[in-house]
Amino acid sequence: MLAVEYDVMPDGLVEVVALINAVDEEGSDPDGEGWLAWRRSHEDGGLGCARIPATELARMEATEDPEELRAIVESVILADRLAKEEVPA
């Protein structure tokens, strides 16, 4: 499982911190749930991380275009922020 870790600045600018291969070395956690749980234990409660969906990961692996990679990561981050910032009605 690949995840993106990011920070959102007070002015709304988003900074990518890292792309994380969250599968443990022994392969016993293929979904990266251990890493995600650890990341949620941080001060921001995991707001600054998102799992990269399998379809987007496949697109990332299929391209060598840096602009396309950037667009894919941006779309994952924006979708994650939208989902996390929605206020329940």
PDB file of N, CA and C in Angstrom:
ATOM      1  N   MET A   1       0.840  -1.162   0.000  1.00  0.00           N
ATOM      2  CA  MET A   1       0.000   0.000   0.000  1.00  0.00           C
ATOM      3  C   MET A   1       0.891   1.233   0.000  1.00  0.00           C
ATOM      4  N   LEU A   2       0.558   2.158  -0.863  1.00  0.00           N
ATOM      5  CA  LEU A   2       1.295   3.410  -0.945  1.00  0.00           C
ATOM      6  C   LEU A   2       0.428   4.508  -0.346  1.00  0.00           C
ATOM      7  N   ALA A   3       1.047   5.370   0.443  1.00  0.00           N
ATOM      8  CA  ALA A   3       0.336   6.495   1.042  1.00  0.00           C
ATOM      9  C   ALA A   3       1.126   7.760   0.764  1.00  0.00           C
ATOM     10  N   VAL A   4       0.435   8.875   0.792  1.00  0.00           N
ATOM     11  CA  VAL A   4       1.085  10.172   0.675  1.00  0.00           C
ATOM     12  C   VAL A   4       0.896  10.904   1.996  1.00  0.00           C
ATOM     13  N   GLU A   5       1.979  11.443   2.499  1.00  0.00           N
ATOM     14  CA  GLU A   5       1.921  12.243   3.719  1.00  0.00           C
ATOM     15  C   GLU A   5       2.125  13.692   3.302  1.00  0.00           C
ATOM     16  N   TYR A   6       1.300  14.578   3.850  1.00  0.00           N
ATOM     17  CA  TYR A   6       1.350  15.972   3.413  1.00  0.00           C
ATOM     18  C   TYR A   6       1.003  16.909   4.552  1.00  0.00           C
ATOM     19  N   ASP A   7       1.410  18.166   4.389  1.00  0.00           N
ATOM     20  CA  ASP A   7       1.071  19.226   5.332  1.00  0.00           C
ATOM     21  C   ASP A   7       0.237  20.264   4.597  1.00  0.00           C
ATOM     22  N   VAL A   8      -0.721  20.851   5.296  1.00  0.00           N
ATOM     23  CA  VAL A   8      -1.484  21.976   4.766  1.00  0.00           C
ATOM     24  C   VAL A   8      -1.086  23.193   5.575  1.00  0.00           C
ATOM     25  N   MET A   9      -0.562  24.185   4.891  1.00  0.00           N
ATOM     26  CA  MET A   9      -0.108  25.402   5.546  1.00  0.00           C
ATOM     27  C   MET A   9      -1.315  26.299   5.879  1.00  0.00           C
ATOM     28  N   PRO A  10      -1.145  27.226   6.802  1.00  0.00           N
ATOM     29  CA  PRO A  10      -2.249  28.131   7.172  1.00  0.00           C
ATOM     30  C   PRO A  10      -2.846  28.888   5.982  1.00  0.00           C
ATOM     31  N   ASP A  11      -2.020  29.157   4.961  1.00  0.00           N
ATOM     32  CA  ASP A  11      -2.518  29.866   3.783  1.00  0.00           C
ATOM     33  C   ASP A  11      -3.177  28.933   2.768  1.00  0.00           C
ATOM     34  N   GLY A  12      -3.271  27.637   3.108  1.00  0.00           N
ATOM     35  CA  GLY A  12      -3.919  26.667   2.236  1.00  0.00           C
ATOM     36  C   GLY A  12      -2.978  25.934   1.302  1.00  0.00           C
ATOM     37  N   LEU A  13      -1.721  26.331   1.237  1.00  0.00           N
ATOM     38  CA  LEU A  13      -0.740  25.663   0.400  1.00  0.00           C
ATOM     39  C   LEU A  13      -0.504  24.253   0.930  1.00  0.00           C
ATOM     40  N   VAL A  14      -0.463  23.276   0.041  1.00  0.00           N
ATOM     41  CA  VAL A  14      -0.248  21.885   0.429  1.00  0.00           C
ATOM     42  C   VAL A  14       1.180  21.495   0.046  1.00  0.00           C
ATOM     43  N   GLU A  15       1.877  20.903   0.988  1.00  0.00           N
ATOM     44  CA  GLU A  15       3.248  20.457   0.764  1.00  0.00           C
ATOM     45  C   GLU A  15       3.315  18.948   0.933  1.00  0.00           C
ATOM     46  N   VAL A  16       3.789  18.250  -0.086  1.00  0.00           N
ATOM     47  CA  VAL A  16       3.970  16.805   0.008  1.00  0.00           C
ATOM     48  C   VAL A  16       5.207  16.546   0.851  1.00  0.00           C
ATOM     49  N   VAL A  17       5.029  15.737   1.897  1.00  0.00           N
ATOM     50  CA  VAL A  17       6.129  15.403   2.791  1.00  0.00           C
ATOM     51  C   VAL A  17       6.821  14.136   2.298  1.00  0.00           C
ATOM     52  N   ALA A  18       6.025  13.116   1.949  1.00  0.00           N
ATOM     53  CA  ALA A  18       6.628  11.850   1.535  1.00  0.00           C
ATOM     54  C   ALA A  18       5.596  10.952   0.875  1.00  0.00           C
ATOM     55  N   LEU A  19       6.085  10.056   0.049  1.00  0.00           N
ATOM     56  CA  LEU A  19       5.299   8.919  -0.423  1.00  0.00           C
ATOM     57  C   LEU A  19       5.817   7.735   0.373  1.00  0.00           C
ATOM     58  N   ILE A  20       4.907   7.019   1.015  1.00  0.00           N
ATOM     59  CA  ILE A  20       5.273   5.966   1.956  1.00  0.00           C
ATOM     60  C   ILE A  20       4.814   4.611   1.443  1.00  0.00           C
ATOM     61  N   ASN A  21       5.747   3.665   1.341  1.00  0.00           N
ATOM     62  CA  ASN A  21       5.382   2.276   1.092  1.00  0.00           C
ATOM     63  C   ASN A  21       5.087   1.685   2.462  1.00  0.00           C
ATOM     64  N   ALA A  22       3.798   1.565   2.781  1.00  0.00           N
ATOM     65  CA  ALA A  22       3.385   1.213   4.141  1.00  0.00           C
ATOM     66  C   ALA A  22       3.195  -0.286   4.358  1.00  0.00           C
ATOM     67  N   VAL A  23       3.688  -1.096   3.456  1.00  0.00           N
ATOM     68  CA  VAL A  23       3.623  -2.544   3.644  1.00  0.00           C
ATOM     69  C   VAL A  23       4.815  -2.954   4.496  1.00  0.00           C
ATOM     70  N   ASP A  24       4.570  -3.702   5.564  1.00  0.00           N
ATOM     71  CA  ASP A  24       5.682  -4.079   6.431  1.00  0.00           C
ATOM     72  C   ASP A  24       6.615  -5.052   5.717  1.00  0.00           C
ATOM     73  N   GLU A  25       7.831  -5.145   6.212  1.00  0.00           N
ATOM     74  CA  GLU A  25       8.872  -5.930   5.548  1.00  0.00           C
ATOM     75  C   GLU A  25       8.553  -7.410   5.450  1.00  0.00           C
ATOM     76  N   GLU A  26       7.824  -7.957   6.423  1.00  0.00           N
ATOM     77  CA  GLU A  26       7.495  -9.381   6.387  1.00  0.00           C
ATOM     78  C   GLU A  26       6.272  -9.666   5.521  1.00  0.00           C
ATOM     79  N   GLY A  27       5.591  -8.638   5.073  1.00  0.00           N
ATOM     80  CA  GLY A  27       4.409  -8.825   4.228  1.00  0.00           C
ATOM     81  C   GLY A  27       3.164  -9.208   5.007  1.00  0.00           C
ATOM     82  N   SER A  28       3.203  -9.097   6.340  1.00  0.00           N
ATOM     83  CA  SER A  28       2.039  -9.498   7.134  1.00  0.00           C
ATOM     84  C   SER A  28       0.977  -8.409   7.215  1.00  0.00           C
ATOM     85  N   ASP A  29       1.270  -7.234   6.680  1.00  0.00           N
ATOM     86  CA  ASP A  29       0.316  -6.129   6.700  1.00  0.00           C
ATOM     87  C   ASP A  29       0.238  -5.509   5.306  1.00  0.00           C
ATOM     88  N   PRO A  30      -0.286  -6.244   4.333  1.00  0.00           N
ATOM     89  CA  PRO A  30      -0.281  -5.763   2.938  1.00  0.00           C
ATOM     90  C   PRO A  30      -1.113  -4.504   2.713  1.00  0.00           C
ATOM     91  N   ASP A  31      -2.065  -4.218   3.602  1.00  0.00           N
ATOM     92  CA  ASP A  31      -2.901  -3.027   3.445  1.00  0.00           C
ATOM     93  C   ASP A  31      -2.325  -1.812   4.166  1.00  0.00           C
ATOM     94  N   GLY A  32      -1.215  -1.980   4.868  1.00  0.00           N
ATOM     95  CA  GLY A  32      -0.578  -0.863   5.551  1.00  0.00           C
ATOM     96  C   GLY A  32      -1.354  -0.334   6.731  1.00  0.00           C
ATOM     97  N   GLU A  33      -2.245  -1.144   7.285  1.00  0.00           N
ATOM     98  CA  GLU A  33      -3.085  -0.678   8.388  1.00  0.00           C
ATOM     99  C   GLU A  33      -2.263  -0.333   9.630  1.00  0.00           C
ATOM    100  N   GLY A  34      -1.181  -1.048   9.874  1.00  0.00           N
ATOM    101  CA  GLY A  34      -0.324  -0.747  11.021  1.00  0.00           C
ATOM    102  C   GLY A  34       0.286   0.642  10.899  1.00  0.00           C
ATOM    103  N   TRP A  35       0.790   0.965   9.714  1.00  0.00           N
ATOM    104  CA  TRP A  35       1.364   2.289   9.512  1.00  0.00           C
ATOM    105  C   TRP A  35       0.282   3.358   9.626  1.00  0.00           C
ATOM    106  N   LEU A  36      -0.873   3.127   9.010  1.00  0.00           N
ATOM    107  CA  LEU A  36      -1.957   4.110   9.075  1.00  0.00           C
ATOM    108  C   LEU A  36      -2.401   4.342  10.523  1.00  0.00           C
ATOM    109  N   ALA A  37      -2.485   3.282  11.316  1.00  0.00           N
ATOM    110  CA  ALA A  37      -2.859   3.428  12.727  1.00  0.00           C
ATOM    111  C   ALA A  37      -1.803   4.242  13.466  1.00  0.00           C
ATOM    112  N   TRP A  38      -0.532   3.945  13.203  1.00  0.00           N
ATOM    113  CA  TRP A  38       0.553   4.706  13.816  1.00  0.00           C
ATOM    114  C   TRP A  38       0.460   6.177  13.404  1.00  0.00           C
ATOM    115  N   ARG A  39       0.207   6.422  12.125  1.00  0.00           N
ATOM    116  CA  ARG A  39       0.136   7.806  11.627  1.00  0.00           C
ATOM    117  C   ARG A  39      -1.046   8.555  12.240  1.00  0.00           C
ATOM    118  N   ARG A  40      -2.165   7.860  12.469  1.00  0.00           N
ATOM    119  CA  ARG A  40      -3.331   8.496  13.083  1.00  0.00           C
ATOM    120  C   ARG A  40      -3.080   8.862  14.544  1.00  0.00           C
ATOM    121  N   SER A  41      -2.048   8.272  15.155  1.00  0.00           N
ATOM    122  CA  SER A  41      -1.732   8.576  16.546  1.00  0.00           C
ATOM    123  C   SER A  41      -0.994   9.903  16.691  1.00  0.00           C
ATOM    124  N   HIS A  42      -0.643  10.539  15.591  1.00  0.00           N
ATOM    125  CA  HIS A  42       0.052  11.823  15.640  1.00  0.00           C
ATOM    126  C   HIS A  42      -0.908  12.953  16.013  1.00  0.00           C
ATOM    127  N   GLU A  43      -0.329  14.093  16.280  1.00  0.00           N
ATOM    128  CA  GLU A  43      -1.072  15.269  16.728  1.00  0.00           C
ATOM    129  C   GLU A  43      -2.244  15.619  15.815  1.00  0.00           C
ATOM    130  N   ASP A  44      -2.084  15.458  14.516  1.00  0.00           N
ATOM    131  CA  ASP A  44      -3.160  15.826  13.588  1.00  0.00           C
ATOM    132  C   ASP A  44      -4.177  14.712  13.379  1.00  0.00           C
ATOM    133  N   GLY A  45      -4.019  13.607  14.088  1.00  0.00           N
ATOM    134  CA  GLY A  45      -4.975  12.507  13.985  1.00  0.00           C
ATOM    135  C   GLY A  45      -5.013  11.844  12.624  1.00  0.00           C
ATOM    136  N   GLY A  46      -3.952  12.000  11.853  1.00  0.00           N
ATOM    137  CA  GLY A  46      -3.898  11.378  10.532  1.00  0.00           C
ATOM    138  C   GLY A  46      -4.484  12.226   9.421  1.00  0.00           C
ATOM    139  N   LEU A  47      -4.790  13.483   9.723  1.00  0.00           N
ATOM    140  CA  LEU A  47      -5.369  14.340   8.680  1.00  0.00           C
ATOM    141  C   LEU A  47      -4.408  14.556   7.526  1.00  0.00           C
ATOM    142  N   GLY A  48      -3.129  14.474   7.776  1.00  0.00           N
ATOM    143  CA  GLY A  48      -2.141  14.735   6.742  1.00  0.00           C
ATOM    144  C   GLY A  48      -1.620  13.503   6.039  1.00  0.00           C
ATOM    145  N   CYS A  49      -2.454  12.476   5.913  1.00  0.00           N
ATOM    146  CA  CYS A  49      -2.023  11.309   5.154  1.00  0.00           C
ATOM    147  C   CYS A  49      -3.212  10.698   4.427  1.00  0.00           C
ATOM    148  N   ALA A  50      -2.908  10.124   3.281  1.00  0.00           N
ATOM    149  CA  ALA A  50      -3.956   9.515   2.471  1.00  0.00           C
ATOM    150  C   ALA A  50      -3.423   8.266   1.797  1.00  0.00           C
ATOM    151  N   ARG A  51      -4.257   7.254   1.781  1.00  0.00           N
ATOM    152  CA  ARG A  51      -3.944   6.030   1.043  1.00  0.00           C
ATOM    153  C   ARG A  51      -4.126   6.334  -0.447  1.00  0.00           C
ATOM    154  N   ILE A  52      -3.195   5.884  -1.267  1.00  0.00           N
ATOM    155  CA  ILE A  52      -3.328   6.063  -2.707  1.00  0.00           C
ATOM    156  C   ILE A  52      -4.123   4.872  -3.236  1.00  0.00           C
ATOM    157  N   PRO A  53      -5.304   5.150  -3.812  1.00  0.00           N
ATOM    158  CA  PRO A  53      -6.143   4.055  -4.319  1.00  0.00           C
ATOM    159  C   PRO A  53      -5.417   3.227  -5.390  1.00  0.00           C
ATOM    160  N   ALA A  54      -5.775   1.968  -5.464  1.00  0.00           N
ATOM    161  CA  ALA A  54      -5.121   1.043  -6.407  1.00  0.00           C
ATOM    162  C   ALA A  54      -5.180   1.553  -7.841  1.00  0.00           C
ATOM    163  N   THR A  55      -6.293   2.161  -8.231  1.00  0.00           N
ATOM    164  CA  THR A  55      -6.405   2.662  -9.606  1.00  0.00           C
ATOM    165  C   THR A  55      -5.404   3.787  -9.864  1.00  0.00           C
ATOM    166  N   GLU A  56      -5.229   4.659  -8.864  1.00  0.00           N
ATOM    167  CA  GLU A  56      -4.284   5.763  -9.015  1.00  0.00           C
ATOM    168  C   GLU A  56      -2.842   5.255  -8.954  1.00  0.00           C
ATOM    169  N   LEU A  57      -2.596   4.256  -8.123  1.00  0.00           N
ATOM    170  CA  LEU A  57      -1.269   3.655  -8.056  1.00  0.00           C
ATOM    171  C   LEU A  57      -0.895   3.034  -9.396  1.00  0.00           C
ATOM    172  N   ALA A  58      -1.844   2.361 -10.020  1.00  0.00           N
ATOM    173  CA  ALA A  58      -1.595   1.775 -11.340  1.00  0.00           C
ATOM    174  C   ALA A  58      -1.262   2.864 -12.356  1.00  0.00           C
ATOM    175  N   ARG A  59      -1.973   3.985 -12.293  1.00  0.00           N
ATOM    176  CA  ARG A  59      -1.666   5.110 -13.192  1.00  0.00           C
ATOM    177  C   ARG A  59      -0.275   5.657 -12.927  1.00  0.00           C
ATOM    178  N   MET A  60       0.094   5.757 -11.646  1.00  0.00           N
ATOM    179  CA  MET A  60       1.424   6.254 -11.295  1.00  0.00           C
ATOM    180  C   MET A  60       2.513   5.334 -11.836  1.00  0.00           C
ATOM    181  N   GLU A  61       2.290   4.029 -11.713  1.00  0.00           N
ATOM    182  CA  GLU A  61       3.285   3.057 -12.169  1.00  0.00           C
ATOM    183  C   GLU A  61       3.385   3.008 -13.690  1.00  0.00           C
ATOM    184  N   ALA A  62       2.325   3.425 -14.388  1.00  0.00           N
ATOM    185  CA  ALA A  62       2.288   3.341 -15.846  1.00  0.00           C
ATOM    186  C   ALA A  62       2.884   4.566 -16.537  1.00  0.00           C
ATOM    187  N   THR A  63       3.194   5.601 -15.779  1.00  0.00           N
ATOM    188  CA  THR A  63       3.696   6.817 -16.421  1.00  0.00           C
ATOM    189  C   THR A  63       5.115   7.136 -15.995  1.00  0.00           C
ATOM    190  N   GLU A  64       5.805   7.834 -16.865  1.00  0.00           N
ATOM    191  CA  GLU A  64       7.114   8.374 -16.526  1.00  0.00           C
ATOM    192  C   GLU A  64       7.085   9.895 -16.604  1.00  0.00           C
ATOM    193  N   ASP A  65       5.893  10.450 -16.811  1.00  0.00           N
ATOM    194  CA  ASP A  65       5.716  11.886 -16.941  1.00  0.00           C
ATOM    195  C   ASP A  65       5.585  12.524 -15.555  1.00  0.00           C
ATOM    196  N   PRO A  66       6.546  13.351 -15.154  1.00  0.00           N
ATOM    197  CA  PRO A  66       6.497  13.953 -13.821  1.00  0.00           C
ATOM    198  C   PRO A  66       5.255  14.819 -13.603  1.00  0.00           C
ATOM    199  N   GLU A  67       4.773  15.471 -14.639  1.00  0.00           N
ATOM    200  CA  GLU A  67       3.573  16.300 -14.497  1.00  0.00           C
ATOM    201  C   GLU A  67       2.334  15.442 -14.238  1.00  0.00           C
ATOM    202  N   GLU A  68       2.263  14.288 -14.895  1.00  0.00           N
ATOM    203  CA  GLU A  68       1.139  13.380 -14.649  1.00  0.00           C
ATOM    204  C   GLU A  68       1.210  12.815 -13.238  1.00  0.00           C
ATOM    205  N   LEU A  69       2.420  12.472 -12.782  1.00  0.00           N
ATOM    206  CA  LEU A  69       2.585  11.994 -11.404  1.00  0.00           C
ATOM    207  C   LEU A  69       2.131  13.056 -10.413  1.00  0.00           C
ATOM    208  N   ARG A  70       2.537  14.289 -10.649  1.00  0.00           N
ATOM    209  CA  ARG A  70       2.144  15.392  -9.777  1.00  0.00           C
ATOM    210  C   ARG A  70       0.626  15.541  -9.756  1.00  0.00           C
ATOM    211  N   ALA A  71      -0.003  15.463 -10.921  1.00  0.00           N
ATOM    212  CA  ALA A  71      -1.459  15.606 -11.011  1.00  0.00           C
ATOM    213  C   ALA A  71      -2.179  14.482 -10.260  1.00  0.00           C
ATOM    214  N   ILE A  72      -1.659  13.271 -10.356  1.00  0.00           N
ATOM    215  CA  ILE A  72      -2.275  12.140  -9.659  1.00  0.00           C
ATOM    216  C   ILE A  72      -2.186  12.337  -8.146  1.00  0.00           C
ATOM    217  N   VAL A  73      -0.994  12.685  -7.656  1.00  0.00           N
ATOM    218  CA  VAL A  73      -0.809  12.891  -6.215  1.00  0.00           C
ATOM    219  C   VAL A  73      -1.681  14.056  -5.740  1.00  0.00           C
ATOM    220  N   GLU A  74      -1.726  15.127  -6.517  1.00  0.00           N
ATOM    221  CA  GLU A  74      -2.578  16.266  -6.146  1.00  0.00           C
ATOM    222  C   GLU A  74      -4.038  15.866  -6.051  1.00  0.00           C
ATOM    223  N   SER A  75      -4.504  15.059  -7.003  1.00  0.00           N
ATOM    224  CA  SER A  75      -5.919  14.654  -6.975  1.00  0.00           C
ATOM    225  C   SER A  75      -6.219  13.780  -5.763  1.00  0.00           C
ATOM    226  N   VAL A  76      -5.280  12.922  -5.376  1.00  0.00           N
ATOM    227  CA  VAL A  76      -5.462  12.087  -4.184  1.00  0.00           C
ATOM    228  C   VAL A  76      -5.535  12.967  -2.934  1.00  0.00           C
ATOM    229  N   ILE A  77      -4.630  13.934  -2.843  1.00  0.00           N
ATOM    230  CA  ILE A  77      -4.618  14.826  -1.681  1.00  0.00           C
ATOM    231  C   ILE A  77      -5.893  15.651  -1.614  1.00  0.00           C
ATOM    232  N   LEU A  78      -6.296  16.227  -2.741  1.00  0.00           N
ATOM    233  CA  LEU A  78      -7.506  17.061  -2.739  1.00  0.00           C
ATOM    234  C   LEU A  78      -8.749  16.254  -2.381  1.00  0.00           C
ATOM    235  N   ALA A  79      -8.856  15.041  -2.893  1.00  0.00           N
ATOM    236  CA  ALA A  79     -10.001  14.185  -2.548  1.00  0.00           C
ATOM    237  C   ALA A  79      -9.979  13.841  -1.065  1.00  0.00           C
ATOM    238  N   ASP A  80      -8.795  13.578  -0.529  1.00  0.00           N
ATOM    239  CA  ASP A  80      -8.659  13.261   0.886  1.00  0.00           C
ATOM    240  C   ASP A  80      -9.062  14.452   1.748  1.00  0.00           C
ATOM    241  N   ARG A  81      -8.586  15.636   1.400  1.00  0.00           N
ATOM    242  CA  ARG A  81      -8.931  16.832   2.172  1.00  0.00           C
ATOM    243  C   ARG A  81     -10.426  17.091   2.122  1.00  0.00           C
ATOM    244  N   LEU A  82     -11.022  16.949   0.952  1.00  0.00           N
ATOM    245  CA  LEU A  82     -12.452  17.165   0.802  1.00  0.00           C
ATOM    246  C   LEU A  82     -13.228  16.215   1.711  1.00  0.00           C
ATOM    247  N   ALA A  83     -12.846  14.954   1.706  1.00  0.00           N
ATOM    248  CA  ALA A  83     -13.537  13.960   2.531  1.00  0.00           C
ATOM    249  C   ALA A  83     -13.362  14.253   4.022  1.00  0.00           C
ATOM    250  N   LYS A  84     -12.180  14.684   4.421  1.00  0.00           N
ATOM    251  CA  LYS A  84     -11.892  14.916   5.832  1.00  0.00           C
ATOM    252  C   LYS A  84     -12.445  16.239   6.338  1.00  0.00           C
ATOM    253  N   GLU A  85     -12.662  17.186   5.442  1.00  0.00           N
ATOM    254  CA  GLU A  85     -13.141  18.493   5.866  1.00  0.00           C
ATOM    255  C   GLU A  85     -14.645  18.649   5.728  1.00  0.00           C
ATOM    256  N   GLU A  86     -15.326  17.664   5.146  1.00  0.00           N
ATOM    257  CA  GLU A  86     -16.780  17.746   5.016  1.00  0.00           C
ATOM    258  C   GLU A  86     -17.418  17.787   6.388  1.00  0.00           C
ATOM    259  N   VAL A  87     -18.352  18.673   6.543  1.00  0.00           N
ATOM    260  CA  VAL A  87     -19.088  18.780   7.800  1.00  0.00           C
ATOM    261  C   VAL A  87     -20.375  17.995   7.641  1.00  0.00           C
ATOM    262  N   PRO A  88     -20.641  17.018   8.528  1.00  0.00           N
ATOM    263  CA  PRO A  88     -21.879  16.238   8.411  1.00  0.00           C
ATOM    264  C   PRO A  88     -23.106  17.141   8.552  1.00  0.00           C
ATOM    265  N   ALA A  89     -24.114  16.870   7.730  1.00  0.00           N
ATOM    266  CA  ALA A  89     -25.335  17.698   7.769  1.00  0.00           C
ATOM    267  C   ALA A  89     -26.236  17.300   8.900  1.00  0.00           C
TER     268      ALA A  89
END
